[in-house]
Amino acid sequence: MEHIIPASEFTRNFGRYQMIAQREPVAVTSHGRTTGYFIAAEDYEAFKRFKEARRGFATVELPEEKARAISASRMDERHNHLDSMLDE
């Protein structure tokens, strides 16, 4: 269960929420809106690794050989029914 607490409570009892964050995220709110999450350091490091692994890129960054291979590729016939979505 995620803990949702006001910022003032978080500030007053930081040590308590620091311990809770080792097990689960703590959502911190201000004026009823979530402004951030307090999580364990290991969880944050895992998130950073995940985010870095998902790096996007522009197709112009691809080597010409890979761009040609993508251009020449075709979708598996099992997905032909999806073509009808392009007509809308």
PDB file of N, CA and C in Angstrom:
ATOM      1  N   MET A   1       0.844  -1.192   0.000  1.00  0.00           N
ATOM      2  CA  MET A   1       0.000   0.000   0.000  1.00  0.00           C
ATOM      3  C   MET A   1       0.882   1.244   0.000  1.00  0.00           C
ATOM      4  N   GLU A   2       0.611   2.142  -0.899  1.00  0.00           N
ATOM      5  CA  GLU A   2       1.374   3.385  -1.001  1.00  0.00           C
ATOM      6  C   GLU A   2       0.913   4.358   0.080  1.00  0.00           C
ATOM      7  N   HIS A   3       1.863   5.005   0.720  1.00  0.00           N
ATOM      8  CA  HIS A   3       1.532   6.042   1.700  1.00  0.00           C
ATOM      9  C   HIS A   3       1.392   7.380   0.986  1.00  0.00           C
ATOM     10  N   ILE A   4       0.332   8.105   1.285  1.00  0.00           N
ATOM     11  CA  ILE A   4       0.111   9.442   0.732  1.00  0.00           C
ATOM     12  C   ILE A   4       0.017  10.398   1.905  1.00  0.00           C
ATOM     13  N   ILE A   5       0.961  11.341   1.963  1.00  0.00           N
ATOM     14  CA  ILE A   5       1.007  12.232   3.118  1.00  0.00           C
ATOM     15  C   ILE A   5       1.253  13.680   2.696  1.00  0.00           C
ATOM     16  N   PRO A   6       0.762  14.618   3.493  1.00  0.00           N
ATOM     17  CA  PRO A   6       1.034  16.031   3.208  1.00  0.00           C
ATOM     18  C   PRO A   6       2.511  16.356   3.461  1.00  0.00           C
ATOM     19  N   ALA A   7       3.006  17.342   2.767  1.00  0.00           N
ATOM     20  CA  ALA A   7       4.405  17.756   2.910  1.00  0.00           C
ATOM     21  C   ALA A   7       4.736  18.134   4.348  1.00  0.00           C
ATOM     22  N   SER A   8       3.810  18.778   5.044  1.00  0.00           N
ATOM     23  CA  SER A   8       4.082  19.179   6.428  1.00  0.00           C
ATOM     24  C   SER A   8       4.306  17.959   7.315  1.00  0.00           C
ATOM     25  N   GLU A   9       3.524  16.917   7.124  1.00  0.00           N
ATOM     26  CA  GLU A   9       3.689  15.667   7.883  1.00  0.00           C
ATOM     27  C   GLU A   9       5.009  15.002   7.519  1.00  0.00           C
ATOM     28  N   PHE A  10       5.344  15.013   6.239  1.00  0.00           N
ATOM     29  CA  PHE A  10       6.608  14.441   5.768  1.00  0.00           C
ATOM     30  C   PHE A  10       7.787  15.131   6.431  1.00  0.00           C
ATOM     31  N   THR A  11       7.721  16.455   6.511  1.00  0.00           N
ATOM     32  CA  THR A  11       8.801  17.231   7.112  1.00  0.00           C
ATOM     33  C   THR A  11       8.931  16.944   8.609  1.00  0.00           C
ATOM     34  N   ARG A  12       7.806  16.905   9.297  1.00  0.00           N
ATOM     35  CA  ARG A  12       7.832  16.662  10.745  1.00  0.00           C
ATOM     36  C   ARG A  12       8.330  15.269  11.104  1.00  0.00           C
ATOM     37  N   ASN A  13       8.035  14.302  10.277  1.00  0.00           N
ATOM     38  CA  ASN A  13       8.367  12.909  10.591  1.00  0.00           C
ATOM     39  C   ASN A  13       9.220  12.261   9.503  1.00  0.00           C
ATOM     40  N   PHE A  14      10.215  13.000   9.053  1.00  0.00           N
ATOM     41  CA  PHE A  14      11.059  12.533   7.956  1.00  0.00           C
ATOM     42  C   PHE A  14      11.641  11.148   8.231  1.00  0.00           C
ATOM     43  N   GLY A  15      12.165  10.919   9.413  1.00  0.00           N
ATOM     44  CA  GLY A  15      12.786   9.636   9.754  1.00  0.00           C
ATOM     45  C   GLY A  15      11.827   8.469   9.575  1.00  0.00           C
ATOM     46  N   ARG A  16      10.598   8.659   9.985  1.00  0.00           N
ATOM     47  CA  ARG A  16       9.586   7.607   9.850  1.00  0.00           C
ATOM     48  C   ARG A  16       9.350   7.283   8.379  1.00  0.00           C
ATOM     49  N   TYR A  17       9.188   8.309   7.555  1.00  0.00           N
ATOM     50  CA  TYR A  17       8.914   8.079   6.142  1.00  0.00           C
ATOM     51  C   TYR A  17      10.142   7.603   5.386  1.00  0.00           C
ATOM     52  N   GLN A  18      11.293   7.931   5.891  1.00  0.00           N
ATOM     53  CA  GLN A  18      12.530   7.424   5.309  1.00  0.00           C
ATOM     54  C   GLN A  18      12.568   5.899   5.469  1.00  0.00           C
ATOM     55  N   MET A  19      12.148   5.408   6.616  1.00  0.00           N
ATOM     56  CA  MET A  19      12.109   3.960   6.855  1.00  0.00           C
ATOM     57  C   MET A  19      11.023   3.295   6.005  1.00  0.00           C
ATOM     58  N   ILE A  20       9.863   3.914   5.909  1.00  0.00           N
ATOM     59  CA  ILE A  20       8.765   3.364   5.109  1.00  0.00           C
ATOM     60  C   ILE A  20       9.172   3.281   3.640  1.00  0.00           C
ATOM     61  N   ALA A  21       9.898   4.298   3.168  1.00  0.00           N
ATOM     62  CA  ALA A  21      10.301   4.344   1.758  1.00  0.00           C
ATOM     63  C   ALA A  21      11.242   3.202   1.393  1.00  0.00           C
ATOM     64  N   GLN A  22      11.858   2.565   2.380  1.00  0.00           N
ATOM     65  CA  GLN A  22      12.708   1.411   2.081  1.00  0.00           C
ATOM     66  C   GLN A  22      11.866   0.227   1.623  1.00  0.00           C
ATOM     67  N   ARG A  23      10.580   0.237   1.963  1.00  0.00           N
ATOM     68  CA  ARG A  23       9.678  -0.864   1.609  1.00  0.00           C
ATOM     69  C   ARG A  23       8.708  -0.514   0.491  1.00  0.00           C
ATOM     70  N   GLU A  24       8.293   0.760   0.424  1.00  0.00           N
ATOM     71  CA  GLU A  24       7.282   1.176  -0.549  1.00  0.00           C
ATOM     72  C   GLU A  24       7.358   2.679  -0.765  1.00  0.00           C
ATOM     73  N   PRO A  25       6.869   3.164  -1.900  1.00  0.00           N
ATOM     74  CA  PRO A  25       6.920   4.607  -2.180  1.00  0.00           C
ATOM     75  C   PRO A  25       6.057   5.408  -1.205  1.00  0.00           C
ATOM     76  N   VAL A  26       6.484   6.618  -0.955  1.00  0.00           N
ATOM     77  CA  VAL A  26       5.719   7.557  -0.138  1.00  0.00           C
ATOM     78  C   VAL A  26       5.392   8.750  -1.033  1.00  0.00           C
ATOM     79  N   ALA A  27       4.101   8.946  -1.307  1.00  0.00           N
ATOM     80  CA  ALA A  27       3.665  10.080  -2.111  1.00  0.00           C
ATOM     81  C   ALA A  27       3.539  11.289  -1.196  1.00  0.00           C
ATOM     82  N   VAL A  28       4.141  12.388  -1.578  1.00  0.00           N
ATOM     83  CA  VAL A  28       4.103  13.619  -0.779  1.00  0.00           C
ATOM     84  C   VAL A  28       3.202  14.615  -1.511  1.00  0.00           C
ATOM     85  N   THR A  29       2.229  15.167  -0.768  1.00  0.00           N
ATOM     86  CA  THR A  29       1.268  16.079  -1.381  1.00  0.00           C
ATOM     87  C   THR A  29       1.425  17.490  -0.836  1.00  0.00           C
ATOM     88  N   SER A  30       0.952  18.440  -1.612  1.00  0.00           N
ATOM     89  CA  SER A  30       0.888  19.832  -1.200  1.00  0.00           C
ATOM     90  C   SER A  30      -0.443  20.372  -1.708  1.00  0.00           C
ATOM     91  N   HIS A  31      -1.241  20.856  -0.802  1.00  0.00           N
ATOM     92  CA  HIS A  31      -2.577  21.374  -1.144  1.00  0.00           C
ATOM     93  C   HIS A  31      -3.402  20.327  -1.903  1.00  0.00           C
ATOM     94  N   GLY A  32      -3.266  19.062  -1.465  1.00  0.00           N
ATOM     95  CA  GLY A  32      -4.068  17.986  -2.036  1.00  0.00           C
ATOM     96  C   GLY A  32      -3.561  17.385  -3.335  1.00  0.00           C
ATOM     97  N   ARG A  33      -2.450  17.886  -3.841  1.00  0.00           N
ATOM     98  CA  ARG A  33      -1.887  17.363  -5.100  1.00  0.00           C
ATOM     99  C   ARG A  33      -0.541  16.712  -4.837  1.00  0.00           C
ATOM    100  N   THR A  34      -0.326  15.556  -5.445  1.00  0.00           N
ATOM    101  CA  THR A  34       0.965  14.884  -5.291  1.00  0.00           C
ATOM    102  C   THR A  34       2.040  15.709  -5.987  1.00  0.00           C
ATOM    103  N   THR A  35       3.083  16.038  -5.223  1.00  0.00           N
ATOM    104  CA  THR A  35       4.175  16.844  -5.776  1.00  0.00           C
ATOM    105  C   THR A  35       5.447  16.027  -5.985  1.00  0.00           C
ATOM    106  N   GLY A  36       5.491  14.838  -5.409  1.00  0.00           N
ATOM    107  CA  GLY A  36       6.669  13.992  -5.577  1.00  0.00           C
ATOM    108  C   GLY A  36       6.529  12.703  -4.805  1.00  0.00           C
ATOM    109  N   TYR A  37       7.510  11.839  -5.001  1.00  0.00           N
ATOM    110  CA  TYR A  37       7.545  10.554  -4.317  1.00  0.00           C
ATOM    111  C   TYR A  37       8.883  10.395  -3.634  1.00  0.00           C
ATOM    112  N   PHE A  38       8.860   9.822  -2.454  1.00  0.00           N
ATOM    113  CA  PHE A  38      10.073   9.507  -1.726  1.00  0.00           C
ATOM    114  C   PHE A  38      10.232   8.001  -1.815  1.00  0.00           C
ATOM    115  N   ILE A  39      11.364   7.544  -2.405  1.00  0.00           N
ATOM    116  CA  ILE A  39      11.586   6.118  -2.601  1.00  0.00           C
ATOM    117  C   ILE A  39      12.980   5.750  -2.116  1.00  0.00           C
ATOM    118  N   ALA A  40      13.202   4.454  -1.953  1.00  0.00           N
ATOM    119  CA  ALA A  40      14.508   3.960  -1.528  1.00  0.00           C
ATOM    120  C   ALA A  40      15.559   4.286  -2.587  1.00  0.00           C
ATOM    121  N   ALA A  41      16.789   4.489  -2.133  1.00  0.00           N
ATOM    122  CA  ALA A  41      17.887   4.813  -3.041  1.00  0.00           C
ATOM    123  C   ALA A  41      18.068   3.728  -4.099  1.00  0.00           C
ATOM    124  N   GLU A  42      17.934   2.450  -3.712  1.00  0.00           N
ATOM    125  CA  GLU A  42      18.101   1.357  -4.684  1.00  0.00           C
ATOM    126  C   GLU A  42      17.019   1.424  -5.764  1.00  0.00           C
ATOM    127  N   ASP A  43      15.802   1.777  -5.365  1.00  0.00           N
ATOM    128  CA  ASP A  43      14.713   1.893  -6.341  1.00  0.00           C
ATOM    129  C   ASP A  43      14.990   3.029  -7.324  1.00  0.00           C
ATOM    130  N   TYR A  44      15.516   4.131  -6.813  1.00  0.00           N
ATOM    131  CA  TYR A  44      15.831   5.261  -7.685  1.00  0.00           C
ATOM    132  C   TYR A  44      16.954   4.890  -8.655  1.00  0.00           C
ATOM    133  N   GLU A  45      17.971   4.196  -8.168  1.00  0.00           N
ATOM    134  CA  GLU A  45      19.083   3.785  -9.036  1.00  0.00           C
ATOM    135  C   GLU A  45      18.580   2.829 -10.115  1.00  0.00           C
ATOM    136  N   ALA A  46      17.680   1.907  -9.749  1.00  0.00           N
ATOM    137  CA  ALA A  46      17.106   0.983 -10.735  1.00  0.00           C
ATOM    138  C   ALA A  46      16.301   1.761 -11.773  1.00  0.00           C
ATOM    139  N   PHE A  47      15.553   2.765 -11.324  1.00  0.00           N
ATOM    140  CA  PHE A  47      14.781   3.597 -12.248  1.00  0.00           C
ATOM    141  C   PHE A  47      15.701   4.321 -13.224  1.00  0.00           C
ATOM    142  N   LYS A  48      16.801   4.876 -12.711  1.00  0.00           N
ATOM    143  CA  LYS A  48      17.745   5.580 -13.586  1.00  0.00           C
ATOM    144  C   LYS A  48      18.324   4.637 -14.635  1.00  0.00           C
ATOM    145  N   ARG A  49      18.685   3.415 -14.230  1.00  0.00           N
ATOM    146  CA  ARG A  49      19.226   2.439 -15.193  1.00  0.00           C
ATOM    147  C   ARG A  49      18.177   2.109 -16.252  1.00  0.00           C
ATOM    148  N   PHE A  50      16.939   1.908 -15.823  1.00  0.00           N
ATOM    149  CA  PHE A  50      15.854   1.611 -16.751  1.00  0.00           C
ATOM    150  C   PHE A  50      15.658   2.755 -17.732  1.00  0.00           C
ATOM    151  N   LYS A  51      15.648   3.974 -17.216  1.00  0.00           N
ATOM    152  CA  LYS A  51      15.429   5.147 -18.065  1.00  0.00           C
ATOM    153  C   LYS A  51      16.551   5.310 -19.086  1.00  0.00           C
ATOM    154  N   GLU A  52      17.786   5.090 -18.659  1.00  0.00           N
ATOM    155  CA  GLU A  52      18.928   5.215 -19.569  1.00  0.00           C
ATOM    156  C   GLU A  52      18.902   4.134 -20.647  1.00  0.00           C
ATOM    157  N   ALA A  53      18.405   2.945 -20.297  1.00  0.00           N
ATOM    158  CA  ALA A  53      18.354   1.844 -21.259  1.00  0.00           C
ATOM    159  C   ALA A  53      17.298   2.086 -22.324  1.00  0.00           C
ATOM    160  N   ARG A  54      16.340   2.943 -22.048  1.00  0.00           N
ATOM    161  CA  ARG A  54      15.249   3.208 -22.982  1.00  0.00           C
ATOM    162  C   ARG A  54      15.522   4.435 -23.845  1.00  0.00           C
ATOM    163  N   ARG A  55      16.760   4.767 -24.048  1.00  0.00           N
ATOM    164  CA  ARG A  55      17.114   5.956 -24.810  1.00  0.00           C
ATOM    165  C   ARG A  55      16.474   5.938 -26.190  1.00  0.00           C
ATOM    166  N   GLY A  56      15.811   6.994 -26.534  1.00  0.00           N
ATOM    167  CA  GLY A  56      15.240   7.139 -27.871  1.00  0.00           C
ATOM    168  C   GLY A  56      16.275   7.727 -28.811  1.00  0.00           C
ATOM    169  N   PHE A  57      16.011   7.624 -30.076  1.00  0.00           N
ATOM    170  CA  PHE A  57      16.918   8.216 -31.059  1.00  0.00           C
ATOM    171  C   PHE A  57      16.138   8.551 -32.315  1.00  0.00           C
ATOM    172  N   ALA A  58      16.682   9.420 -33.078  1.00  0.00           N
ATOM    173  CA  ALA A  58      16.079   9.798 -34.358  1.00  0.00           C
ATOM    174  C   ALA A  58      16.590   8.845 -35.434  1.00  0.00           C
ATOM    175  N   THR A  59      15.749   8.555 -36.398  1.00  0.00           N
ATOM    176  CA  THR A  59      16.165   7.627 -37.458  1.00  0.00           C
ATOM    177  C   THR A  59      17.364   8.160 -38.246  1.00  0.00           C
ATOM    178  N   VAL A  60      17.540   9.470 -38.274  1.00  0.00           N
ATOM    179  CA  VAL A  60      18.703  10.016 -38.994  1.00  0.00           C
ATOM    180  C   VAL A  60      20.010   9.634 -38.308  1.00  0.00           C
ATOM    181  N   GLU A  61      19.925   9.171 -37.046  1.00  0.00           N
ATOM    182  CA  GLU A  61      21.131   8.746 -36.331  1.00  0.00           C
ATOM    183  C   GLU A  61      21.545   7.322 -36.694  1.00  0.00           C
ATOM    184  N   LEU A  62      20.655   6.582 -37.362  1.00  0.00           N
ATOM    185  CA  LEU A  62      20.960   5.197 -37.715  1.00  0.00           C
ATOM    186  C   LEU A  62      21.968   5.125 -38.848  1.00  0.00           C
ATOM    187  N   PRO A  63      22.816   4.111 -38.821  1.00  0.00           N
ATOM    188  CA  PRO A  63      23.680   3.883 -39.984  1.00  0.00           C
ATOM    189  C   PRO A  63      22.803   3.560 -41.189  1.00  0.00           C
ATOM    190  N   GLU A  64      23.240   3.933 -42.377  1.00  0.00           N
ATOM    191  CA  GLU A  64      22.463   3.732 -43.608  1.00  0.00           C
ATOM    192  C   GLU A  64      22.027   2.285 -43.776  1.00  0.00           C
ATOM    193  N   GLU A  65      22.898   1.356 -43.438  1.00  0.00           N
ATOM    194  CA  GLU A  65      22.603  -0.076 -43.576  1.00  0.00           C
ATOM    195  C   GLU A  65      21.384  -0.480 -42.727  1.00  0.00           C
ATOM    196  N   LYS A  66      21.319  -0.007 -41.500  1.00  0.00           N
ATOM    197  CA  LYS A  66      20.190  -0.341 -40.625  1.00  0.00           C
ATOM    198  C   LYS A  66      18.915   0.354 -41.097  1.00  0.00           C
ATOM    199  N   ALA A  67      19.027   1.565 -41.567  1.00  0.00           N
ATOM    200  CA  ALA A  67      17.851   2.286 -42.069  1.00  0.00           C
ATOM    201  C   ALA A  67      17.267   1.552 -43.275  1.00  0.00           C
ATOM    202  N   ARG A  68      18.119   1.055 -44.165  1.00  0.00           N
ATOM    203  CA  ARG A  68      17.640   0.289 -45.331  1.00  0.00           C
ATOM    204  C   ARG A  68      16.979  -1.009 -44.887  1.00  0.00           C
ATOM    205  N   ALA A  69      17.567  -1.680 -43.898  1.00  0.00           N
ATOM    206  CA  ALA A  69      17.004  -2.946 -43.413  1.00  0.00           C
ATOM    207  C   ALA A  69      15.619  -2.724 -42.807  1.00  0.00           C
ATOM    208  N   ILE A  70      15.448  -1.654 -42.062  1.00  0.00           N
ATOM    209  CA  ILE A  70      14.144  -1.340 -41.472  1.00  0.00           C
ATOM    210  C   ILE A  70      13.152  -1.010 -42.573  1.00  0.00           C
ATOM    211  N   SER A  71      13.583  -0.247 -43.527  1.00  0.00           N
ATOM    212  CA  SER A  71      12.721   0.166 -44.630  1.00  0.00           C
ATOM    213  C   SER A  71      12.247  -1.034 -45.449  1.00  0.00           C
ATOM    214  N   ALA A  72      13.095  -2.025 -45.590  1.00  0.00           N
ATOM    215  CA  ALA A  72      12.761  -3.205 -46.385  1.00  0.00           C
ATOM    216  C   ALA A  72      11.967  -4.245 -45.590  1.00  0.00           C
ATOM    217  N   SER A  73      11.879  -4.086 -44.295  1.00  0.00           N
ATOM    218  CA  SER A  73      11.190  -5.094 -43.470  1.00  0.00           C
ATOM    219  C   SER A  73       9.683  -5.030 -43.667  1.00  0.00           C
ATOM    220  N   ARG A  74       9.027  -6.135 -43.409  1.00  0.00           N
ATOM    221  CA  ARG A  74       7.577  -6.229 -43.521  1.00  0.00           C
ATOM    222  C   ARG A  74       7.017  -6.844 -42.245  1.00  0.00           C
ATOM    223  N   MET A  75       5.803  -6.448 -41.908  1.00  0.00           N
ATOM    224  CA  MET A  75       5.160  -6.977 -40.715  1.00  0.00           C
ATOM    225  C   MET A  75       4.753  -8.427 -40.960  1.00  0.00           C
ATOM    226  N   ASP A  76       4.789  -9.218 -39.923  1.00  0.00           N
ATOM    227  CA  ASP A  76       4.354 -10.609 -39.988  1.00  0.00           C
ATOM    228  C   ASP A  76       2.889 -10.660 -40.422  1.00  0.00           C
ATOM    229  N   GLU A  77       2.553 -11.628 -41.259  1.00  0.00           N
ATOM    230  CA  GLU A  77       1.196 -11.743 -41.786  1.00  0.00           C
ATOM    231  C   GLU A  77       0.135 -11.909 -40.697  1.00  0.00           C
ATOM    232  N   ARG A  78       0.529 -12.396 -39.538  1.00  0.00           N
ATOM    233  CA  ARG A  78      -0.425 -12.550 -38.435  1.00  0.00           C
ATOM    234  C   ARG A  78      -1.051 -11.224 -38.030  1.00  0.00           C
ATOM    235  N   HIS A  79      -0.421 -10.128 -38.405  1.00  0.00           N
ATOM    236  CA  HIS A  79      -0.900  -8.811 -37.994  1.00  0.00           C
ATOM    237  C   HIS A  79      -1.597  -8.050 -39.131  1.00  0.00           C
ATOM    238  N   ASN A  80      -1.920  -8.732 -40.218  1.00  0.00           N
ATOM    239  CA  ASN A  80      -2.557  -8.073 -41.365  1.00  0.00           C
ATOM    240  C   ASN A  80      -3.875  -7.394 -40.984  1.00  0.00           C
ATOM    241  N   HIS A  81      -4.584  -7.950 -40.017  1.00  0.00           N
ATOM    242  CA  HIS A  81      -5.866  -7.356 -39.606  1.00  0.00           C
ATOM    243  C   HIS A  81      -5.694  -5.940 -39.075  1.00  0.00           C
ATOM    244  N   LEU A  82      -4.510  -5.581 -38.660  1.00  0.00           N
ATOM    245  CA  LEU A  82      -4.265  -4.220 -38.144  1.00  0.00           C
ATOM    246  C   LEU A  82      -4.253  -3.189 -39.263  1.00  0.00           C
ATOM    247  N   ASP A  83      -4.040  -3.613 -40.504  1.00  0.00           N
ATOM    248  CA  ASP A  83      -4.009  -2.678 -41.623  1.00  0.00           C
ATOM    249  C   ASP A  83      -5.318  -1.894 -41.733  1.00  0.00           C
ATOM    250  N   SER A  84      -6.418  -2.525 -41.354  1.00  0.00           N
ATOM    251  CA  SER A  84      -7.714  -1.832 -41.453  1.00  0.00           C
ATOM    252  C   SER A  84      -7.751  -0.592 -40.558  1.00  0.00           C
ATOM    253  N   MET A  85      -6.958  -0.550 -39.533  1.00  0.00           N
ATOM    254  CA  MET A  85      -6.919   0.619 -38.656  1.00  0.00           C
ATOM    255  C   MET A  85      -6.335   1.831 -39.372  1.00  0.00           C
ATOM    256  N   LEU A  86      -5.535   1.597 -40.397  1.00  0.00           N
ATOM    257  CA  LEU A  86      -4.924   2.702 -41.132  1.00  0.00           C
ATOM    258  C   LEU A  86      -5.928   3.406 -42.033  1.00  0.00           C
ATOM    259  N   ASP A  87      -7.028   2.724 -42.341  1.00  0.00           N
ATOM    260  CA  ASP A  87      -8.047   3.300 -43.231  1.00  0.00           C
ATOM    261  C   ASP A  87      -8.898   4.353 -42.545  1.00  0.00           C
ATOM    262  N   GLU A  88      -8.928   4.357 -41.224  1.00  0.00           N
ATOM    263  CA  GLU A  88      -9.795   5.287 -40.491  1.00  0.00           C
ATOM    264  C   GLU A  88      -9.284   6.704 -40.540  1.00  0.00           C
TER     265      GLU A  88
END
